[in-house]
Amino acid sequence: MQKIYDKLGCVVKSARQAMQLTQSQLAQRLGITAGYLKAIENSGKKPSFDLLHRIINELELSTDYIFYAHKKDKPSPAPKTAKGGVTAE
């Protein structure tokens, strides 16, 4: 399994393209250089937590999509149940 940062660039690039933004346009919105965004998308550059938060907000991504993209094709696990088989709330 690849690490989150290995797939982060692909997720960011795909979301950016879906919003029809260029690297320069998104970089300007994020307050970074286009070169830095390119490094995140293509070279596995690790953004700071603050920048990751801005990327998620700007591209309107869910954190699940960022952190669990590798599980998107797998079924969700069954809900955990309390003693007696009743779903815990």
C-alpha atoms as a PDB file:
ATOM      1  CA  MET A   1       0.000   0.000   0.000  1.00  0.00           C
ATOM      2  CA  GLN A   2       1.298   3.436  -0.880  1.00  0.00           C
ATOM      3  CA  LYS A   3       1.556   6.170   1.688  1.00  0.00           C
ATOM      4  CA  ILE A   4      -0.860   9.093   1.689  1.00  0.00           C
ATOM      5  CA  TYR A   5       1.698  11.475   0.200  1.00  0.00           C
ATOM      6  CA  ASP A   6       2.313   9.111  -2.718  1.00  0.00           C
ATOM      7  CA  LYS A   7      -1.297   9.541  -3.801  1.00  0.00           C
ATOM      8  CA  LEU A   8      -1.903  13.079  -2.577  1.00  0.00           C
ATOM      9  CA  GLY A   9      -0.420  14.637  -5.703  1.00  0.00           C
ATOM     10  CA  CYS A  10      -2.709  12.618  -7.971  1.00  0.00           C
ATOM     11  CA  VAL A  11      -5.751  13.524  -5.878  1.00  0.00           C
ATOM     12  CA  VAL A  12      -4.876  17.233  -5.898  1.00  0.00           C
ATOM     13  CA  LYS A  13      -4.150  17.272  -9.624  1.00  0.00           C
ATOM     14  CA  SER A  14      -7.350  15.422 -10.467  1.00  0.00           C
ATOM     15  CA  ALA A  15      -9.486  17.729  -8.301  1.00  0.00           C
ATOM     16  CA  ARG A  16      -7.776  20.835  -9.706  1.00  0.00           C
ATOM     17  CA  GLN A  17      -8.404  19.700 -13.266  1.00  0.00           C
ATOM     18  CA  ALA A  18     -12.027  18.841 -12.452  1.00  0.00           C
ATOM     19  CA  MET A  19     -12.467  22.451 -11.310  1.00  0.00           C
ATOM     20  CA  GLN A  20     -10.808  23.589 -14.553  1.00  0.00           C
ATOM     21  CA  LEU A  21      -8.038  25.435 -12.720  1.00  0.00           C
ATOM     22  CA  THR A  22      -4.477  25.766 -13.932  1.00  0.00           C
ATOM     23  CA  GLN A  23      -1.604  25.172 -11.533  1.00  0.00           C
ATOM     24  CA  SER A  24      -0.956  28.915 -11.557  1.00  0.00           C
ATOM     25  CA  GLN A  25      -4.559  29.747 -10.683  1.00  0.00           C
ATOM     26  CA  LEU A  26      -4.728  27.287  -7.797  1.00  0.00           C
ATOM     27  CA  ALA A  27      -1.286  28.258  -6.544  1.00  0.00           C
ATOM     28  CA  GLN A  28      -2.347  31.912  -6.456  1.00  0.00           C
ATOM     29  CA  ARG A  29      -5.475  31.029  -4.472  1.00  0.00           C
ATOM     30  CA  LEU A  30      -3.350  29.013  -2.033  1.00  0.00           C
ATOM     31  CA  GLY A  31      -0.655  31.666  -1.685  1.00  0.00           C
ATOM     32  CA  ILE A  32       2.135  29.443  -3.012  1.00  0.00           C
ATOM     33  CA  THR A  33       4.158  29.302  -6.217  1.00  0.00           C
ATOM     34  CA  ALA A  34       3.063  27.243  -9.207  1.00  0.00           C
ATOM     35  CA  GLY A  35       6.380  25.406  -8.943  1.00  0.00           C
ATOM     36  CA  TYR A  36       5.609  24.323  -5.384  1.00  0.00           C
ATOM     37  CA  LEU A  37       2.152  23.094  -6.426  1.00  0.00           C
ATOM     38  CA  LYS A  38       3.735  21.222  -9.324  1.00  0.00           C
ATOM     39  CA  ALA A  39       6.114  19.544  -6.851  1.00  0.00           C
ATOM     40  CA  ILE A  40       3.159  18.459  -4.695  1.00  0.00           C
ATOM     41  CA  GLU A  41       1.278  17.086  -7.700  1.00  0.00           C
ATOM     42  CA  ASN A  42       4.169  15.396  -9.486  1.00  0.00           C
ATOM     43  CA  SER A  43       7.092  14.859  -7.126  1.00  0.00           C
ATOM     44  CA  GLY A  44       5.514  13.812  -3.849  1.00  0.00           C
ATOM     45  CA  LYS A  45       6.355  17.080  -2.074  1.00  0.00           C
ATOM     46  CA  LYS A  46       4.767  17.063   1.377  1.00  0.00           C
ATOM     47  CA  PRO A  47       2.718  20.185   2.120  1.00  0.00           C
ATOM     48  CA  SER A  48       2.448  21.513   5.652  1.00  0.00           C
ATOM     49  CA  PHE A  49      -0.711  20.745   7.593  1.00  0.00           C
ATOM     50  CA  ASP A  50      -1.838  24.355   7.093  1.00  0.00           C
ATOM     51  CA  LEU A  51      -1.340  24.142   3.329  1.00  0.00           C
ATOM     52  CA  LEU A  52      -3.059  20.751   3.162  1.00  0.00           C
ATOM     53  CA  HIS A  53      -6.021  22.308   4.979  1.00  0.00           C
ATOM     54  CA  ARG A  54      -6.120  25.173   2.447  1.00  0.00           C
ATOM     55  CA  ILE A  55      -5.917  22.712  -0.473  1.00  0.00           C
ATOM     56  CA  ILE A  56      -8.802  20.668   0.932  1.00  0.00           C
ATOM     57  CA  ASN A  57     -10.932  23.778   1.369  1.00  0.00           C
ATOM     58  CA  GLU A  58     -10.053  25.376  -1.961  1.00  0.00           C
ATOM     59  CA  LEU A  59     -10.714  22.199  -3.952  1.00  0.00           C
ATOM     60  CA  GLU A  60     -13.785  21.356  -1.844  1.00  0.00           C
ATOM     61  CA  LEU A  61     -12.430  17.896  -1.035  1.00  0.00           C
ATOM     62  CA  SER A  62     -13.469  15.711   1.859  1.00  0.00           C
ATOM     63  CA  THR A  63     -10.766  14.615   4.252  1.00  0.00           C
ATOM     64  CA  ASP A  64     -11.889  11.029   3.685  1.00  0.00           C
ATOM     65  CA  TYR A  65     -11.079  11.422   0.003  1.00  0.00           C
ATOM     66  CA  ILE A  66      -7.597  12.691   0.856  1.00  0.00           C
ATOM     67  CA  PHE A  67      -6.727  10.179   3.562  1.00  0.00           C
ATOM     68  CA  TYR A  68      -8.639   7.138   2.336  1.00  0.00           C
ATOM     69  CA  ALA A  69      -8.475   7.472  -1.465  1.00  0.00           C
ATOM     70  CA  HIS A  70      -6.933   4.008  -1.640  1.00  0.00           C
ATOM     71  CA  LYS A  71     -10.116   2.546  -0.115  1.00  0.00           C
ATOM     72  CA  LYS A  72     -12.608   4.214  -2.453  1.00  0.00           C
ATOM     73  CA  ASP A  73     -13.355   0.993  -4.328  1.00  0.00           C
ATOM     74  CA  LYS A  74     -13.590  -1.202  -1.259  1.00  0.00           C
ATOM     75  CA  PRO A  75     -16.845  -1.722   0.640  1.00  0.00           C
ATOM     76  CA  SER A  76     -17.245   0.030   3.969  1.00  0.00           C
ATOM     77  CA  PRO A  77     -16.763  -2.140   7.032  1.00  0.00           C
ATOM     78  CA  ALA A  78     -19.863  -3.333   8.835  1.00  0.00           C
ATOM     79  CA  PRO A  79     -20.895  -1.183  11.802  1.00  0.00           C
ATOM     80  CA  LYS A  80     -19.582  -2.350  15.143  1.00  0.00           C
ATOM     81  CA  THR A  81     -22.216  -3.802  17.388  1.00  0.00           C
ATOM     82  CA  ALA A  82     -22.620  -3.774  21.127  1.00  0.00           C
ATOM     83  CA  LYS A  83     -23.103  -6.957  23.132  1.00  0.00           C
ATOM     84  CA  GLY A  84     -26.237  -8.702  21.895  1.00  0.00           C
ATOM     85  CA  GLY A  85     -25.833  -7.605  18.263  1.00  0.00           C
ATOM     86  CA  VAL A  86     -27.366  -4.153  18.630  1.00  0.00           C
ATOM     87  CA  THR A  87     -25.597  -1.417  16.687  1.00  0.00           C
ATOM     88  CA  ALA A  88     -23.721   0.870  19.067  1.00  0.00           C
ATOM     89  CA  GLU A  89     -24.719   4.517  18.931  1.00  0.00           C
END
